[in-house]
Amino acid sequence: MSRRGWIRITFPSWVDDLDEKVDQAWDTLRGQPVLDQVFYGASEIGDFSKLWHAAGVTRGVMAGDHREALRLALALGAESALVNGLIKSVFQRDRPEADPTERPLHLRQPKTSSFPSGHASSAFMAAGLIAPRSRAGVTWYGVAAIVAASRIHVRIHHASDVVAGAALGVVLARVVERIAPVD
């Protein structure tokens, strides 16, 4: 039993092996100034869903309709409580080991479990809620992918954390669409 009284779920060795291979392959991208700026910036604006709240407010103001922005804000709050509260307390996975000197730009180091990635889940949930009502549509998923991948780049999440978070975000967007449609 863990310190919080939850069962600590371990991952099969093949998941750890896959995560290690992705991390080693990603090393070729780290340390490149332009990519570091993009990924560190994406990771930073993904903190606390800042990007997604700003997108929701902007879209609500431009459309003169606050319902979509309010729904997105409430959904992001529920997603954060679910992922960062309940799910992470069950899994309690260690974050990737990283020497602080390997991070050329400052980032907040979360204290919660690594699994799943909250940045990825919020990004893909937000994209799933915004894209259907946007002319930019698929672009939102591209932005979500950059935010999610940034967590691998900055060594705050394992690849499997990011994939699971993205999948969870897609599912959560569908749930929100079903229980709280805007149209």
N, C-alpha and C. Protein backbone atom coordinates (compact mmCIF):
# COMPACT_ATOMS: atom_id res chain seq x y z
N MET A 1 0.84 -1.18 0.00
CA MET A 1 0.00 0.00 0.00
C MET A 1 0.88 1.24 0.00
N SER A 2 0.43 2.24 -0.69
CA SER A 2 1.19 3.48 -0.79
C SER A 2 0.87 4.39 0.39
N ARG A 3 1.52 5.54 0.41
CA ARG A 3 1.35 6.47 1.51
C ARG A 3 -0.07 7.02 1.60
N ARG A 4 -0.82 6.98 0.53
CA ARG A 4 -2.19 7.50 0.55
C ARG A 4 -3.22 6.40 0.78
N GLY A 5 -2.77 5.18 0.89
CA GLY A 5 -3.71 4.10 1.13
C GLY A 5 -4.24 3.45 -0.14
N TRP A 6 -3.79 3.90 -1.29
CA TRP A 6 -4.20 3.30 -2.55
C TRP A 6 -3.24 2.20 -2.94
N ILE A 7 -3.72 1.31 -3.75
CA ILE A 7 -2.86 0.25 -4.27
C ILE A 7 -1.98 0.84 -5.35
N ARG A 8 -0.69 0.56 -5.28
CA ARG A 8 0.24 1.05 -6.29
C ARG A 8 0.23 0.06 -7.45
N ILE A 9 -0.21 0.52 -8.61
CA ILE A 9 -0.28 -0.32 -9.79
C ILE A 9 1.05 -0.22 -10.53
N THR A 10 1.62 -1.37 -10.84
CA THR A 10 2.89 -1.38 -11.57
C THR A 10 2.62 -1.67 -13.05
N PHE A 11 3.57 -1.28 -13.87
CA PHE A 11 3.45 -1.45 -15.31
C PHE A 11 4.26 -2.65 -15.76
N PRO A 12 3.79 -3.34 -16.80
CA PRO A 12 4.57 -4.47 -17.34
C PRO A 12 5.92 -3.97 -17.86
N SER A 13 6.90 -4.84 -17.85
CA SER A 13 8.25 -4.44 -18.26
C SER A 13 8.29 -3.97 -19.71
N TRP A 14 7.40 -4.50 -20.56
CA TRP A 14 7.43 -4.07 -21.97
C TRP A 14 7.04 -2.60 -22.10
N VAL A 15 6.21 -2.08 -21.19
CA VAL A 15 5.84 -0.66 -21.22
C VAL A 15 7.07 0.17 -20.87
N ASP A 16 7.78 -0.24 -19.81
CA ASP A 16 9.00 0.47 -19.43
C ASP A 16 10.04 0.41 -20.54
N ASP A 17 10.15 -0.75 -21.21
CA ASP A 17 11.10 -0.89 -22.31
C ASP A 17 10.74 0.04 -23.47
N LEU A 18 9.46 0.12 -23.80
CA LEU A 18 9.00 1.00 -24.87
C LEU A 18 9.26 2.46 -24.50
N ASP A 19 8.95 2.81 -23.27
CA ASP A 19 9.20 4.19 -22.81
C ASP A 19 10.68 4.54 -22.94
N GLU A 20 11.55 3.61 -22.57
CA GLU A 20 12.99 3.84 -22.66
C GLU A 20 13.43 4.04 -24.11
N LYS A 21 12.88 3.24 -25.02
CA LYS A 21 13.25 3.36 -26.44
C LYS A 21 12.78 4.70 -27.01
N VAL A 22 11.57 5.12 -26.65
CA VAL A 22 11.07 6.42 -27.12
C VAL A 22 11.94 7.54 -26.56
N ASP A 23 12.29 7.45 -25.28
CA ASP A 23 13.11 8.49 -24.67
C ASP A 23 14.48 8.57 -25.34
N GLN A 24 15.08 7.44 -25.62
CA GLN A 24 16.39 7.44 -26.29
C GLN A 24 16.27 8.02 -27.69
N ALA A 25 15.22 7.67 -28.42
CA ALA A 25 15.02 8.22 -29.76
C ALA A 25 14.78 9.73 -29.70
N TRP A 26 14.05 10.17 -28.67
CA TRP A 26 13.72 11.59 -28.53
C TRP A 26 14.96 12.42 -28.20
N ASP A 27 15.99 11.77 -27.64
CA ASP A 27 17.22 12.49 -27.31
C ASP A 27 17.81 13.24 -28.50
N THR A 28 17.56 12.76 -29.72
CA THR A 28 18.10 13.45 -30.90
C THR A 28 17.44 14.81 -31.11
N LEU A 29 16.25 15.00 -30.52
CA LEU A 29 15.53 16.27 -30.66
C LEU A 29 15.85 17.26 -29.54
N ARG A 30 16.25 16.72 -28.41
CA ARG A 30 16.54 17.58 -27.26
C ARG A 30 17.84 18.35 -27.49
N GLY A 31 17.87 19.56 -26.95
CA GLY A 31 19.07 20.38 -27.06
C GLY A 31 19.14 21.19 -28.34
N GLN A 32 18.13 21.07 -29.19
CA GLN A 32 18.06 21.91 -30.38
C GLN A 32 17.27 23.16 -30.01
N PRO A 33 17.90 24.32 -30.08
CA PRO A 33 17.29 25.55 -29.54
C PRO A 33 15.85 25.82 -29.99
N VAL A 34 15.55 25.67 -31.27
CA VAL A 34 14.19 25.97 -31.73
C VAL A 34 13.20 24.97 -31.15
N LEU A 35 13.53 23.70 -31.20
CA LEU A 35 12.63 22.69 -30.65
C LEU A 35 12.48 22.84 -29.14
N ASP A 36 13.58 23.15 -28.46
CA ASP A 36 13.48 23.38 -27.01
C ASP A 36 12.52 24.53 -26.72
N GLN A 37 12.63 25.62 -27.46
CA GLN A 37 11.73 26.76 -27.25
C GLN A 37 10.27 26.36 -27.48
N VAL A 38 10.02 25.63 -28.56
CA VAL A 38 8.64 25.21 -28.88
C VAL A 38 8.10 24.30 -27.79
N PHE A 39 8.85 23.25 -27.45
CA PHE A 39 8.33 22.27 -26.50
C PHE A 39 8.29 22.79 -25.07
N TYR A 40 9.28 23.54 -24.64
CA TYR A 40 9.23 24.12 -23.29
C TYR A 40 8.09 25.13 -23.20
N GLY A 41 7.92 25.93 -24.25
CA GLY A 41 6.81 26.89 -24.27
C GLY A 41 5.46 26.20 -24.25
N ALA A 42 5.32 25.13 -25.03
CA ALA A 42 4.06 24.37 -25.06
C ALA A 42 3.77 23.75 -23.70
N SER A 43 4.81 23.24 -23.06
CA SER A 43 4.63 22.64 -21.74
C SER A 43 4.18 23.69 -20.73
N GLU A 44 4.79 24.87 -20.81
CA GLU A 44 4.46 25.96 -19.89
C GLU A 44 3.02 26.44 -20.07
N ILE A 45 2.59 26.66 -21.31
CA ILE A 45 1.23 27.16 -21.52
C ILE A 45 0.18 26.08 -21.31
N GLY A 46 0.63 24.82 -21.25
CA GLY A 46 -0.29 23.73 -20.92
C GLY A 46 -0.53 23.61 -19.42
N ASP A 47 0.37 24.18 -18.61
CA ASP A 47 0.19 24.13 -17.15
C ASP A 47 -1.15 24.73 -16.76
N PHE A 48 -1.85 24.04 -15.91
CA PHE A 48 -3.15 24.48 -15.39
C PHE A 48 -4.14 24.79 -16.52
N SER A 49 -3.91 24.18 -17.69
CA SER A 49 -4.80 24.34 -18.85
C SER A 49 -4.94 25.79 -19.29
N LYS A 50 -3.90 26.60 -19.05
CA LYS A 50 -3.96 28.03 -19.41
C LYS A 50 -4.33 28.24 -20.87
N LEU A 51 -3.68 27.49 -21.75
CA LEU A 51 -3.95 27.63 -23.18
C LEU A 51 -5.41 27.35 -23.50
N TRP A 52 -5.93 26.29 -22.91
CA TRP A 52 -7.29 25.87 -23.25
C TRP A 52 -8.34 26.79 -22.67
N HIS A 53 -8.10 27.31 -21.48
CA HIS A 53 -9.02 28.31 -20.92
C HIS A 53 -9.01 29.58 -21.77
N ALA A 54 -7.82 30.01 -22.17
CA ALA A 54 -7.72 31.21 -23.02
C ALA A 54 -8.43 31.00 -24.35
N ALA A 55 -8.27 29.82 -24.92
CA ALA A 55 -8.95 29.52 -26.19
C ALA A 55 -10.46 29.55 -26.02
N GLY A 56 -10.94 28.98 -24.92
CA GLY A 56 -12.38 28.98 -24.68
C GLY A 56 -12.95 30.37 -24.49
N VAL A 57 -12.26 31.19 -23.71
CA VAL A 57 -12.72 32.56 -23.48
C VAL A 57 -12.68 33.35 -24.79
N THR A 58 -11.60 33.23 -25.53
CA THR A 58 -11.47 33.95 -26.80
C THR A 58 -12.58 33.56 -27.76
N ARG A 59 -12.81 32.26 -27.87
CA ARG A 59 -13.87 31.80 -28.78
C ARG A 59 -15.25 32.30 -28.31
N GLY A 60 -15.47 32.29 -27.00
CA GLY A 60 -16.75 32.76 -26.47
C GLY A 60 -16.97 34.24 -26.73
N VAL A 61 -15.93 35.04 -26.55
CA VAL A 61 -16.03 36.49 -26.79
C VAL A 61 -16.26 36.74 -28.28
N MET A 62 -15.49 36.07 -29.12
CA MET A 62 -15.62 36.30 -30.57
C MET A 62 -16.98 35.87 -31.11
N ALA A 63 -17.53 34.82 -30.54
CA ALA A 63 -18.83 34.32 -31.00
C ALA A 63 -19.99 35.01 -30.30
N GLY A 64 -19.69 35.76 -29.24
CA GLY A 64 -20.76 36.41 -28.49
C GLY A 64 -21.62 35.41 -27.74
N ASP A 65 -21.05 34.24 -27.46
CA ASP A 65 -21.79 33.18 -26.77
C ASP A 65 -20.86 32.53 -25.75
N HIS A 66 -21.16 32.70 -24.51
CA HIS A 66 -20.29 32.21 -23.44
C HIS A 66 -20.51 30.74 -23.09
N ARG A 67 -21.56 30.11 -23.62
CA ARG A 67 -21.88 28.73 -23.23
C ARG A 67 -20.75 27.74 -23.52
N GLU A 68 -20.15 27.86 -24.70
CA GLU A 68 -19.07 26.94 -25.06
C GLU A 68 -17.86 27.14 -24.15
N ALA A 69 -17.53 28.40 -23.85
CA ALA A 69 -16.40 28.69 -22.96
C ALA A 69 -16.66 28.18 -21.56
N LEU A 70 -17.86 28.37 -21.07
CA LEU A 70 -18.23 27.90 -19.74
C LEU A 70 -18.18 26.38 -19.67
N ARG A 71 -18.72 25.72 -20.69
CA ARG A 71 -18.68 24.25 -20.73
C ARG A 71 -17.24 23.76 -20.73
N LEU A 72 -16.37 24.39 -21.53
CA LEU A 72 -14.97 23.99 -21.59
C LEU A 72 -14.30 24.19 -20.23
N ALA A 73 -14.54 25.33 -19.60
CA ALA A 73 -13.92 25.60 -18.29
C ALA A 73 -14.37 24.58 -17.25
N LEU A 74 -15.66 24.28 -17.23
CA LEU A 74 -16.17 23.28 -16.27
C LEU A 74 -15.62 21.89 -16.58
N ALA A 75 -15.55 21.55 -17.86
CA ALA A 75 -15.01 20.25 -18.26
C ALA A 75 -13.54 20.13 -17.87
N LEU A 76 -12.77 21.20 -18.07
CA LEU A 76 -11.35 21.18 -17.70
C LEU A 76 -11.18 21.04 -16.19
N GLY A 77 -12.05 21.67 -15.43
CA GLY A 77 -12.00 21.51 -13.97
C GLY A 77 -12.29 20.08 -13.55
N ALA A 78 -13.31 19.49 -14.16
CA ALA A 78 -13.65 18.10 -13.84
C ALA A 78 -12.55 17.15 -14.28
N GLU A 79 -11.98 17.40 -15.45
CA GLU A 79 -10.88 16.56 -15.96
C GLU A 79 -9.69 16.62 -15.02
N SER A 80 -9.36 17.81 -14.55
CA SER A 80 -8.22 17.98 -13.65
C SER A 80 -8.46 17.24 -12.33
N ALA A 81 -9.65 17.36 -11.79
CA ALA A 81 -9.97 16.66 -10.54
C ALA A 81 -9.88 15.15 -10.72
N LEU A 82 -10.40 14.67 -11.83
CA LEU A 82 -10.37 13.23 -12.10
C LEU A 82 -8.94 12.73 -12.30
N VAL A 83 -8.20 13.38 -13.19
CA VAL A 83 -6.85 12.91 -13.54
C VAL A 83 -5.86 13.19 -12.41
N ASN A 84 -5.77 14.44 -11.97
CA ASN A 84 -4.77 14.82 -10.98
C ASN A 84 -5.14 14.40 -9.56
N GLY A 85 -6.41 14.18 -9.33
CA GLY A 85 -6.84 13.75 -8.01
C GLY A 85 -6.95 12.24 -7.90
N LEU A 86 -7.93 11.70 -8.56
CA LEU A 86 -8.24 10.27 -8.41
C LEU A 86 -7.26 9.35 -9.14
N ILE A 87 -7.12 9.52 -10.45
CA ILE A 87 -6.35 8.55 -11.24
C ILE A 87 -4.89 8.54 -10.85
N LYS A 88 -4.28 9.69 -10.72
CA LYS A 88 -2.85 9.74 -10.36
C LYS A 88 -2.60 9.15 -8.98
N SER A 89 -3.56 9.27 -8.07
CA SER A 89 -3.36 8.70 -6.74
C SER A 89 -3.42 7.17 -6.77
N VAL A 90 -4.09 6.62 -7.75
CA VAL A 90 -4.14 5.16 -7.89
C VAL A 90 -2.84 4.63 -8.49
N PHE A 91 -2.34 5.29 -9.50
CA PHE A 91 -1.16 4.77 -10.20
C PHE A 91 0.15 5.13 -9.53
N GLN A 92 0.32 6.32 -9.05
CA GLN A 92 1.53 6.75 -8.37
C GLN A 92 2.81 6.28 -9.07
N ARG A 93 2.93 6.59 -10.32
CA ARG A 93 4.11 6.21 -11.09
C ARG A 93 5.20 7.28 -10.97
N ASP A 94 6.43 6.83 -10.85
CA ASP A 94 7.55 7.77 -10.79
C ASP A 94 7.72 8.47 -12.12
N ARG A 95 8.13 9.72 -12.05
CA ARG A 95 8.41 10.49 -13.27
C ARG A 95 9.78 10.09 -13.81
N PRO A 96 10.02 10.38 -15.08
CA PRO A 96 11.34 10.05 -15.64
C PRO A 96 12.45 10.75 -14.85
N GLU A 97 13.56 10.07 -14.73
CA GLU A 97 14.70 10.69 -14.06
C GLU A 97 15.34 11.68 -15.02
N ALA A 98 15.59 12.88 -14.50
CA ALA A 98 16.23 13.91 -15.33
C ALA A 98 17.12 14.77 -14.46
N ASP A 99 18.30 14.96 -14.91
CA ASP A 99 19.24 15.86 -14.25
C ASP A 99 18.74 17.28 -14.51
N PRO A 100 18.59 18.11 -13.46
CA PRO A 100 18.11 19.49 -13.67
C PRO A 100 18.93 20.27 -14.69
N THR A 101 20.19 19.93 -14.85
CA THR A 101 21.01 20.63 -15.83
C THR A 101 20.65 20.24 -17.26
N GLU A 102 19.88 19.13 -17.41
CA GLU A 102 19.45 18.71 -18.75
C GLU A 102 18.29 19.54 -19.26
N ARG A 103 17.69 20.34 -18.40
CA ARG A 103 16.57 21.19 -18.79
C ARG A 103 17.09 22.60 -18.98
N PRO A 104 17.29 23.01 -20.23
CA PRO A 104 17.87 24.33 -20.48
C PRO A 104 16.95 25.48 -20.09
N LEU A 105 15.66 25.21 -20.01
CA LEU A 105 14.69 26.25 -19.65
C LEU A 105 13.94 25.81 -18.41
N HIS A 106 13.61 26.74 -17.55
CA HIS A 106 12.95 26.43 -16.29
C HIS A 106 11.52 25.93 -16.51
N LEU A 107 11.15 24.90 -15.78
CA LEU A 107 9.78 24.40 -15.78
C LEU A 107 9.39 24.00 -14.36
N ARG A 108 8.13 24.12 -14.07
CA ARG A 108 7.60 23.65 -12.79
C ARG A 108 7.67 22.13 -12.78
N GLN A 109 8.17 21.55 -11.71
CA GLN A 109 8.25 20.10 -11.57
C GLN A 109 7.08 19.62 -10.72
N PRO A 110 6.10 18.94 -11.34
CA PRO A 110 4.93 18.48 -10.58
C PRO A 110 5.31 17.46 -9.51
N LYS A 111 4.52 17.41 -8.47
CA LYS A 111 4.74 16.45 -7.38
C LYS A 111 3.84 15.22 -7.53
N THR A 112 2.89 15.27 -8.44
CA THR A 112 1.95 14.17 -8.60
C THR A 112 2.58 13.02 -9.40
N SER A 113 1.83 11.94 -9.51
CA SER A 113 2.25 10.78 -10.27
C SER A 113 2.44 11.14 -11.74
N SER A 114 3.28 10.37 -12.39
CA SER A 114 3.53 10.60 -13.81
C SER A 114 2.39 10.10 -14.70
N PHE A 115 1.65 9.11 -14.23
CA PHE A 115 0.62 8.47 -15.06
C PHE A 115 -0.76 8.84 -14.60
N PRO A 116 -1.60 9.25 -15.55
CA PRO A 116 -1.35 9.64 -16.94
C PRO A 116 -0.96 11.10 -17.01
N SER A 117 -0.60 11.56 -18.19
CA SER A 117 -0.24 12.96 -18.38
C SER A 117 -1.49 13.82 -18.36
N GLY A 118 -1.56 14.72 -17.38
CA GLY A 118 -2.67 15.65 -17.32
C GLY A 118 -2.63 16.68 -18.44
N HIS A 119 -1.41 17.05 -18.88
CA HIS A 119 -1.28 17.96 -20.02
C HIS A 119 -1.91 17.32 -21.26
N ALA A 120 -1.63 16.04 -21.47
CA ALA A 120 -2.16 15.35 -22.65
C ALA A 120 -3.67 15.17 -22.55
N SER A 121 -4.17 14.80 -21.37
CA SER A 121 -5.61 14.59 -21.25
C SER A 121 -6.38 15.89 -21.41
N SER A 122 -5.91 16.97 -20.80
CA SER A 122 -6.62 18.25 -20.95
C SER A 122 -6.51 18.76 -22.39
N ALA A 123 -5.36 18.57 -23.01
CA ALA A 123 -5.17 19.04 -24.39
C ALA A 123 -6.11 18.33 -25.35
N PHE A 124 -6.18 17.03 -25.26
CA PHE A 124 -7.02 16.29 -26.20
C PHE A 124 -8.50 16.40 -25.87
N MET A 125 -8.84 16.59 -24.61
CA MET A 125 -10.24 16.84 -24.29
C MET A 125 -10.65 18.20 -24.85
N ALA A 126 -9.81 19.22 -24.63
CA ALA A 126 -10.12 20.55 -25.14
C ALA A 126 -10.21 20.55 -26.66
N ALA A 127 -9.26 19.91 -27.32
CA ALA A 127 -9.30 19.83 -28.78
C ALA A 127 -10.59 19.15 -29.24
N GLY A 128 -10.98 18.10 -28.54
CA GLY A 128 -12.20 17.38 -28.91
C GLY A 128 -13.46 18.21 -28.71
N LEU A 129 -13.41 19.18 -27.81
CA LEU A 129 -14.57 20.03 -27.58
C LEU A 129 -14.56 21.27 -28.47
N ILE A 130 -13.38 21.76 -28.82
CA ILE A 130 -13.28 22.97 -29.64
C ILE A 130 -13.34 22.66 -31.13
N ALA A 131 -12.64 21.63 -31.57
CA ALA A 131 -12.48 21.35 -33.00
C ALA A 131 -13.79 21.22 -33.78
N PRO A 132 -14.80 20.54 -33.25
CA PRO A 132 -16.03 20.38 -34.04
C PRO A 132 -16.75 21.69 -34.37
N ARG A 133 -16.47 22.74 -33.60
CA ARG A 133 -17.13 24.04 -33.80
C ARG A 133 -16.18 25.09 -34.32
N SER A 134 -15.08 24.66 -34.88
CA SER A 134 -14.05 25.60 -35.32
C SER A 134 -13.68 25.38 -36.78
N ARG A 135 -13.46 26.47 -37.49
CA ARG A 135 -12.98 26.34 -38.87
C ARG A 135 -11.57 25.77 -38.88
N ALA A 136 -10.83 25.95 -37.77
CA ALA A 136 -9.46 25.43 -37.69
C ALA A 136 -9.45 23.94 -37.39
N GLY A 137 -10.57 23.40 -36.93
CA GLY A 137 -10.76 21.98 -36.68
C GLY A 137 -9.54 21.17 -36.29
N VAL A 138 -8.93 20.53 -37.28
CA VAL A 138 -7.81 19.62 -37.05
C VAL A 138 -6.60 20.33 -36.45
N THR A 139 -6.48 21.62 -36.65
CA THR A 139 -5.36 22.38 -36.08
C THR A 139 -5.35 22.27 -34.56
N TRP A 140 -6.52 22.24 -33.96
CA TRP A 140 -6.59 22.11 -32.50
C TRP A 140 -5.96 20.80 -32.03
N TYR A 141 -6.15 19.75 -32.81
CA TYR A 141 -5.53 18.47 -32.45
C TYR A 141 -4.01 18.54 -32.64
N GLY A 142 -3.55 19.29 -33.62
CA GLY A 142 -2.11 19.48 -33.80
C GLY A 142 -1.50 20.21 -32.61
N VAL A 143 -2.19 21.25 -32.14
CA VAL A 143 -1.72 21.98 -30.96
C VAL A 143 -1.73 21.06 -29.74
N ALA A 144 -2.78 20.26 -29.61
CA ALA A 144 -2.86 19.31 -28.50
C ALA A 144 -1.70 18.32 -28.54
N ALA A 145 -1.38 17.85 -29.74
CA ALA A 145 -0.27 16.89 -29.89
C ALA A 145 1.06 17.53 -29.49
N ILE A 146 1.26 18.78 -29.84
CA ILE A 146 2.50 19.47 -29.46
C ILE A 146 2.58 19.62 -27.94
N VAL A 147 1.48 20.03 -27.31
CA VAL A 147 1.47 20.16 -25.85
C VAL A 147 1.74 18.81 -25.20
N ALA A 148 1.09 17.77 -25.69
CA ALA A 148 1.28 16.43 -25.12
C ALA A 148 2.73 15.95 -25.31
N ALA A 149 3.25 16.07 -26.52
CA ALA A 149 4.61 15.62 -26.81
C ALA A 149 5.65 16.43 -26.04
N SER A 150 5.31 17.66 -25.70
CA SER A 150 6.26 18.48 -24.95
C SER A 150 6.64 17.84 -23.64
N ARG A 151 5.73 17.07 -23.06
CA ARG A 151 6.00 16.46 -21.77
C ARG A 151 7.05 15.35 -21.88
N ILE A 152 7.14 14.73 -23.05
CA ILE A 152 8.22 13.75 -23.29
C ILE A 152 9.52 14.52 -23.50
N HIS A 153 9.46 15.57 -24.30
CA HIS A 153 10.65 16.36 -24.62
C HIS A 153 11.34 16.89 -23.36
N VAL A 154 10.55 17.38 -22.42
CA VAL A 154 11.11 17.99 -21.22
C VAL A 154 11.36 16.97 -20.10
N ARG A 155 11.13 15.73 -20.39
CA ARG A 155 11.34 14.60 -19.45
C ARG A 155 10.52 14.73 -18.17
N ILE A 156 9.28 15.11 -18.32
CA ILE A 156 8.39 15.14 -17.15
C ILE A 156 7.41 13.97 -17.21
N HIS A 157 7.25 13.37 -18.39
CA HIS A 157 6.39 12.19 -18.54
C HIS A 157 7.06 11.16 -19.43
N HIS A 158 6.68 9.91 -19.19
CA HIS A 158 7.05 8.81 -20.08
C HIS A 158 6.10 8.85 -21.28
N ALA A 159 6.51 8.27 -22.40
CA ALA A 159 5.66 8.24 -23.59
C ALA A 159 4.32 7.57 -23.31
N SER A 160 4.33 6.49 -22.54
CA SER A 160 3.07 5.79 -22.25
C SER A 160 2.13 6.66 -21.41
N ASP A 161 2.66 7.54 -20.57
CA ASP A 161 1.83 8.48 -19.80
C ASP A 161 1.10 9.42 -20.75
N VAL A 162 1.82 9.87 -21.77
CA VAL A 162 1.28 10.82 -22.73
C VAL A 162 0.22 10.16 -23.61
N VAL A 163 0.50 8.96 -24.08
CA VAL A 163 -0.47 8.24 -24.93
C VAL A 163 -1.75 7.96 -24.13
N ALA A 164 -1.59 7.50 -22.90
CA ALA A 164 -2.77 7.22 -22.06
C ALA A 164 -3.55 8.50 -21.77
N GLY A 165 -2.84 9.59 -21.48
CA GLY A 165 -3.51 10.86 -21.22
C GLY A 165 -4.28 11.35 -22.43
N ALA A 166 -3.67 11.24 -23.62
CA ALA A 166 -4.34 11.67 -24.85
C ALA A 166 -5.60 10.83 -25.10
N ALA A 167 -5.49 9.53 -24.93
CA ALA A 167 -6.66 8.65 -25.12
C ALA A 167 -7.76 8.99 -24.12
N LEU A 168 -7.38 9.22 -22.88
CA LEU A 168 -8.35 9.60 -21.86
C LEU A 168 -9.02 10.92 -22.23
N GLY A 169 -8.25 11.87 -22.74
CA GLY A 169 -8.81 13.16 -23.14
C GLY A 169 -9.84 13.03 -24.26
N VAL A 170 -9.55 12.17 -25.22
CA VAL A 170 -10.50 11.93 -26.32
C VAL A 170 -11.81 11.35 -25.77
N VAL A 171 -11.69 10.39 -24.87
CA VAL A 171 -12.88 9.77 -24.27
C VAL A 171 -13.66 10.80 -23.45
N LEU A 172 -12.95 11.60 -22.67
CA LEU A 172 -13.64 12.61 -21.86
C LEU A 172 -14.37 13.64 -22.72
N ALA A 173 -13.78 14.02 -23.84
CA ALA A 173 -14.46 14.96 -24.74
C ALA A 173 -15.77 14.37 -25.24
N ARG A 174 -15.75 13.10 -25.57
CA ARG A 174 -16.98 12.44 -26.04
C ARG A 174 -18.03 12.37 -24.94
N VAL A 175 -17.58 12.12 -23.72
CA VAL A 175 -18.51 12.07 -22.59
C VAL A 175 -19.14 13.45 -22.38
N VAL A 176 -18.32 14.50 -22.41
CA VAL A 176 -18.84 15.86 -22.23
C VAL A 176 -19.82 16.20 -23.36
N GLU A 177 -19.47 15.87 -24.58
CA GLU A 177 -20.38 16.12 -25.72
C GLU A 177 -21.72 15.44 -25.52
N ARG A 178 -21.69 14.24 -24.94
CA ARG A 178 -22.93 13.49 -24.77
C ARG A 178 -23.77 14.05 -23.62
N ILE A 179 -23.12 14.39 -22.50
CA ILE A 179 -23.91 14.83 -21.35
C ILE A 179 -24.17 16.34 -21.30
N ALA A 180 -23.37 17.11 -22.05
CA ALA A 180 -23.54 18.58 -22.04
C ALA A 180 -23.33 19.16 -23.44
N PRO A 181 -24.21 18.80 -24.39
CA PRO A 181 -24.05 19.34 -25.73
C PRO A 181 -24.30 20.86 -25.75
N VAL A 182 -23.60 21.56 -26.61
CA VAL A 182 -23.75 23.01 -26.71
C VAL A 182 -24.78 23.38 -27.77
N ASP A 183 -24.82 22.64 -28.83
CA ASP A 183 -25.71 22.98 -29.97
C ASP A 183 -27.16 22.93 -29.62
